[in-house]
Amino acid sequence: MSDSKGGPGGRLEISRRRLLVTTGAAVGGAVLLAPASGQAEDKAVKRNIAGVQGDWRFCHKCQALFFNGYAGKGVCAAGGGHEAAGYYFVLFYDVPGPGQPDWRFCRKCQALFFDGYAGKGVCPVGGGHEAAGYNFRLDYERTTRR
């Protein structure tokens, strides 16, 4: 059970316990919240955090991040709707900092895609992805080849 709420255009509410988990666990430009375990959430203290959005999940079928904040789970490239597995992620949007901007929510399939090129990739619904909502920024780590 996630205590983060809000789809594209909404604000995230997060408990103090989850906020403490997020402060030290940045992973690939997203903040890793916690495994989906059904544990009781600490809802005593809520905080609105501008510039982040929760309810992003990993789809174990197509291996993409998708927005899990709606009843419908989008359209998975592997067939049917996306199926959440593992961790909850919080993504940064419309905030300055290092990383790559132009990662967007596709309103058709509900997956995250890169919107920085003229071509928008292939959406499993058909045609190219269609951006909606926030402009997310994903951090990355530069590596050197040896």
C-alpha atoms as a PDB file:
ATOM      1  CA  MET A   1       0.000   0.000   0.000  1.00  0.00           C
ATOM      2  CA  SER A   2       1.457   3.344  -1.010  1.00  0.00           C
ATOM      3  CA  ASP A   3       0.781   6.591   0.798  1.00  0.00           C
ATOM      4  CA  SER A   4       1.880   8.626  -2.203  1.00  0.00           C
ATOM      5  CA  LYS A   5      -0.975  10.103  -4.220  1.00  0.00           C
ATOM      6  CA  GLY A   6      -1.315  12.225  -7.305  1.00  0.00           C
ATOM      7  CA  GLY A   7      -1.160  11.562 -11.003  1.00  0.00           C
ATOM      8  CA  PRO A   8       0.458  13.803 -13.547  1.00  0.00           C
ATOM      9  CA  GLY A   9      -0.434  17.273 -12.335  1.00  0.00           C
ATOM     10  CA  GLY A  10      -0.913  16.233  -8.666  1.00  0.00           C
ATOM     11  CA  ARG A  11       1.250  16.754  -5.596  1.00  0.00           C
ATOM     12  CA  LEU A  12       2.798  13.964  -3.625  1.00  0.00           C
ATOM     13  CA  GLU A  13       1.878  13.409  -0.004  1.00  0.00           C
ATOM     14  CA  ILE A  14       4.403  11.353   1.887  1.00  0.00           C
ATOM     15  CA  SER A  15       4.649  10.183   5.484  1.00  0.00           C
ATOM     16  CA  ARG A  16       7.583  11.118   7.683  1.00  0.00           C
ATOM     17  CA  ARG A  17       8.799   7.493   7.657  1.00  0.00           C
ATOM     18  CA  ARG A  18       8.825   7.380   3.866  1.00  0.00           C
ATOM     19  CA  LEU A  19      10.501  10.790   3.669  1.00  0.00           C
ATOM     20  CA  LEU A  20      13.347   9.470   5.814  1.00  0.00           C
ATOM     21  CA  VAL A  21      13.696   6.436   3.552  1.00  0.00           C
ATOM     22  CA  THR A  22      13.826   8.642   0.441  1.00  0.00           C
ATOM     23  CA  THR A  23      16.471  11.073   1.667  1.00  0.00           C
ATOM     24  CA  GLY A  24      19.278   8.543   1.414  1.00  0.00           C
ATOM     25  CA  ALA A  25      18.182   6.363  -1.448  1.00  0.00           C
ATOM     26  CA  ALA A  26      18.428   8.078  -4.823  1.00  0.00           C
ATOM     27  CA  VAL A  27      18.531   5.443  -7.552  1.00  0.00           C
ATOM     28  CA  GLY A  28      18.984   6.287 -11.232  1.00  0.00           C
ATOM     29  CA  GLY A  29      17.338   9.704 -10.981  1.00  0.00           C
ATOM     30  CA  ALA A  30      14.391   8.373  -9.070  1.00  0.00           C
ATOM     31  CA  VAL A  31      13.986   8.171  -5.362  1.00  0.00           C
ATOM     32  CA  LEU A  32      13.479   4.631  -4.216  1.00  0.00           C
ATOM     33  CA  LEU A  33      10.763   4.437  -1.580  1.00  0.00           C
ATOM     34  CA  ALA A  34      10.382   0.889  -0.280  1.00  0.00           C
ATOM     35  CA  PRO A  35       9.450  -2.596  -1.396  1.00  0.00           C
ATOM     36  CA  ALA A  36       5.751  -3.150  -1.936  1.00  0.00           C
ATOM     37  CA  SER A  37       5.144  -5.286   1.095  1.00  0.00           C
ATOM     38  CA  GLY A  38       1.696  -4.306   2.389  1.00  0.00           C
ATOM     39  CA  GLN A  39       3.178  -3.103   5.692  1.00  0.00           C
ATOM     40  CA  ALA A  40       1.169  -0.569   7.680  1.00  0.00           C
ATOM     41  CA  GLU A  41       2.112   2.985   6.789  1.00  0.00           C
ATOM     42  CA  ASP A  42       2.891   5.766   9.250  1.00  0.00           C
ATOM     43  CA  LYS A  43       0.177   8.248   8.294  1.00  0.00           C
ATOM     44  CA  ALA A  44       0.391  10.423  11.398  1.00  0.00           C
ATOM     45  CA  VAL A  45       2.418  13.148   9.679  1.00  0.00           C
ATOM     46  CA  LYS A  46       1.936  14.047   6.012  1.00  0.00           C
ATOM     47  CA  ARG A  47       4.100  16.398   3.961  1.00  0.00           C
ATOM     48  CA  ASN A  48       3.448  17.906   0.557  1.00  0.00           C
ATOM     49  CA  ILE A  49       6.622  17.836  -1.472  1.00  0.00           C
ATOM     50  CA  ALA A  50       6.710  19.996  -4.592  1.00  0.00           C
ATOM     51  CA  GLY A  51       8.824  18.739  -7.467  1.00  0.00           C
ATOM     52  CA  VAL A  52       8.388  14.990  -6.912  1.00  0.00           C
ATOM     53  CA  GLN A  53       5.730  12.493  -7.958  1.00  0.00           C
ATOM     54  CA  GLY A  54       5.185   9.032  -6.500  1.00  0.00           C
ATOM     55  CA  ASP A  55       3.386   5.897  -7.672  1.00  0.00           C
ATOM     56  CA  TRP A  56       5.896   5.034 -10.387  1.00  0.00           C
ATOM     57  CA  ARG A  57       6.456   1.273 -10.552  1.00  0.00           C
ATOM     58  CA  PHE A  58       8.516  -1.260 -12.487  1.00  0.00           C
ATOM     59  CA  CYS A  59       6.498  -3.502 -14.832  1.00  0.00           C
ATOM     60  CA  HIS A  60       7.912  -7.015 -14.602  1.00  0.00           C
ATOM     61  CA  LYS A  61       6.446  -7.906 -18.029  1.00  0.00           C
ATOM     62  CA  CYS A  62       7.933  -5.144 -20.224  1.00  0.00           C
ATOM     63  CA  GLN A  63      10.620  -3.916 -17.791  1.00  0.00           C
ATOM     64  CA  ALA A  64       9.564  -0.255 -18.063  1.00  0.00           C
ATOM     65  CA  LEU A  65       8.598   2.280 -15.411  1.00  0.00           C
ATOM     66  CA  PHE A  66       4.890   3.095 -15.527  1.00  0.00           C
ATOM     67  CA  PHE A  67       2.577   5.339 -13.525  1.00  0.00           C
ATOM     68  CA  ASN A  68       0.572   3.182 -11.122  1.00  0.00           C
ATOM     69  CA  GLY A  69      -1.621   5.966  -9.713  1.00  0.00           C
ATOM     70  CA  TYR A  70      -4.687   5.209 -11.828  1.00  0.00           C
ATOM     71  CA  ALA A  71      -7.116   2.278 -11.670  1.00  0.00           C
ATOM     72  CA  GLY A  72      -6.245   1.348 -15.266  1.00  0.00           C
ATOM     73  CA  LYS A  73      -2.653   0.142 -15.650  1.00  0.00           C
ATOM     74  CA  GLY A  74      -1.997   1.371 -19.169  1.00  0.00           C
ATOM     75  CA  VAL A  75      -1.023  -0.819 -22.096  1.00  0.00           C
ATOM     76  CA  CYS A  76       2.027  -3.041 -21.707  1.00  0.00           C
ATOM     77  CA  ALA A  77       4.232  -3.854 -24.713  1.00  0.00           C
ATOM     78  CA  ALA A  78       4.172  -7.478 -23.496  1.00  0.00           C
ATOM     79  CA  GLY A  79       0.353  -7.571 -23.662  1.00  0.00           C
ATOM     80  CA  GLY A  80      -2.476  -6.535 -21.362  1.00  0.00           C
ATOM     81  CA  GLY A  81      -1.913  -3.924 -18.680  1.00  0.00           C
ATOM     82  CA  HIS A  82       1.310  -3.199 -16.833  1.00  0.00           C
ATOM     83  CA  GLU A  83       1.934  -5.340 -13.723  1.00  0.00           C
ATOM     84  CA  ALA A  84       3.759  -3.701 -10.821  1.00  0.00           C
ATOM     85  CA  ALA A  85       6.638  -5.459  -9.105  1.00  0.00           C
ATOM     86  CA  GLY A  86       9.257  -4.453  -6.576  1.00  0.00           C
ATOM     87  CA  TYR A  87       9.838  -0.929  -5.389  1.00  0.00           C
ATOM     88  CA  TYR A  88       7.849   2.294  -5.474  1.00  0.00           C
ATOM     89  CA  PHE A  89       9.689   5.175  -7.175  1.00  0.00           C
ATOM     90  CA  VAL A  90       9.381   8.931  -6.849  1.00  0.00           C
ATOM     91  CA  LEU A  91      10.539  10.972  -9.839  1.00  0.00           C
ATOM     92  CA  PHE A  92      11.755  14.571  -9.791  1.00  0.00           C
ATOM     93  CA  TYR A  93      10.004  17.032 -12.100  1.00  0.00           C
ATOM     94  CA  ASP A  94      10.421  20.685 -13.074  1.00  0.00           C
ATOM     95  CA  VAL A  95      13.330  21.176 -10.652  1.00  0.00           C
ATOM     96  CA  PRO A  96      16.864  22.294 -11.494  1.00  0.00           C
ATOM     97  CA  GLY A  97      19.761  19.954 -11.021  1.00  0.00           C
ATOM     98  CA  PRO A  98      22.023  17.504 -12.774  1.00  0.00           C
ATOM     99  CA  GLY A  99      20.632  14.830 -14.980  1.00  0.00           C
ATOM    100  CA  GLN A 100      18.634  14.502 -18.147  1.00  0.00           C
ATOM    101  CA  PRO A 101      15.307  16.312 -18.549  1.00  0.00           C
ATOM    102  CA  ASP A 102      12.595  15.488 -21.096  1.00  0.00           C
ATOM    103  CA  TRP A 103      11.429  12.191 -19.607  1.00  0.00           C
ATOM    104  CA  ARG A 104       7.647  12.195 -19.905  1.00  0.00           C
ATOM    105  CA  PHE A 105       4.506  10.240 -19.049  1.00  0.00           C
ATOM    106  CA  CYS A 106       2.790   8.759 -22.128  1.00  0.00           C
ATOM    107  CA  ARG A 107      -0.935   9.400 -21.838  1.00  0.00           C
ATOM    108  CA  LYS A 108      -1.673   6.358 -24.046  1.00  0.00           C
ATOM    109  CA  CYS A 109       0.338   3.561 -22.381  1.00  0.00           C
ATOM    110  CA  GLN A 110       1.170   5.227 -19.018  1.00  0.00           C
ATOM    111  CA  ALA A 111       4.879   4.420 -19.318  1.00  0.00           C
ATOM    112  CA  LEU A 112       7.846   6.764 -18.991  1.00  0.00           C
ATOM    113  CA  PHE A 113       9.554   7.657 -22.290  1.00  0.00           C
ATOM    114  CA  PHE A 114      12.287  10.036 -23.481  1.00  0.00           C
ATOM    115  CA  ASP A 115      10.752  13.066 -25.220  1.00  0.00           C
ATOM    116  CA  GLY A 116      14.017  14.756 -26.246  1.00  0.00           C
ATOM    117  CA  TYR A 117      14.030  13.614 -29.872  1.00  0.00           C
ATOM    118  CA  ALA A 118      11.671  14.373 -32.760  1.00  0.00           C
ATOM    119  CA  GLY A 119      10.707  10.678 -32.897  1.00  0.00           C
ATOM    120  CA  LYS A 120       8.741   9.670 -29.798  1.00  0.00           C
ATOM    121  CA  GLY A 121       9.453   5.948 -29.851  1.00  0.00           C
ATOM    122  CA  VAL A 122       6.888   3.242 -30.504  1.00  0.00           C
ATOM    123  CA  CYS A 123       3.930   3.156 -28.137  1.00  0.00           C
ATOM    124  CA  PRO A 124       2.311  -0.270 -27.639  1.00  0.00           C
ATOM    125  CA  VAL A 125      -1.086   1.395 -28.197  1.00  0.00           C
ATOM    126  CA  GLY A 126       0.038   2.427 -31.681  1.00  0.00           C
ATOM    127  CA  GLY A 127       1.995   5.280 -33.214  1.00  0.00           C
ATOM    128  CA  GLY A 128       4.410   7.311 -31.119  1.00  0.00           C
ATOM    129  CA  HIS A 129       4.210   8.074 -27.418  1.00  0.00           C
ATOM    130  CA  GLU A 130       2.193  11.180 -26.461  1.00  0.00           C
ATOM    131  CA  ALA A 131       3.587  13.332 -23.671  1.00  0.00           C
ATOM    132  CA  ALA A 132       1.348  14.557 -20.854  1.00  0.00           C
ATOM    133  CA  GLY A 133       1.932  16.050 -17.429  1.00  0.00           C
ATOM    134  CA  TYR A 134       5.304  16.850 -15.925  1.00  0.00           C
ATOM    135  CA  ASN A 135       8.768  17.046 -17.458  1.00  0.00           C
ATOM    136  CA  PHE A 136      10.787  14.585 -15.355  1.00  0.00           C
ATOM    137  CA  ARG A 137      14.543  14.779 -14.810  1.00  0.00           C
ATOM    138  CA  LEU A 138      16.498  11.568 -14.356  1.00  0.00           C
ATOM    139  CA  ASP A 139      19.925  11.674 -12.771  1.00  0.00           C
ATOM    140  CA  TYR A 140      22.617   9.497 -14.233  1.00  0.00           C
ATOM    141  CA  GLU A 141      26.110   8.421 -13.464  1.00  0.00           C
ATOM    142  CA  ARG A 142      28.795   9.027 -16.058  1.00  0.00           C
ATOM    143  CA  THR A 143      31.082   6.091 -16.568  1.00  0.00           C
ATOM    144  CA  THR A 144      34.306   5.737 -18.476  1.00  0.00           C
ATOM    145  CA  ARG A 145      35.190   2.765 -20.631  1.00  0.00           C
ATOM    146  CA  ARG A 146      38.421   0.972 -19.908  1.00  0.00           C
END
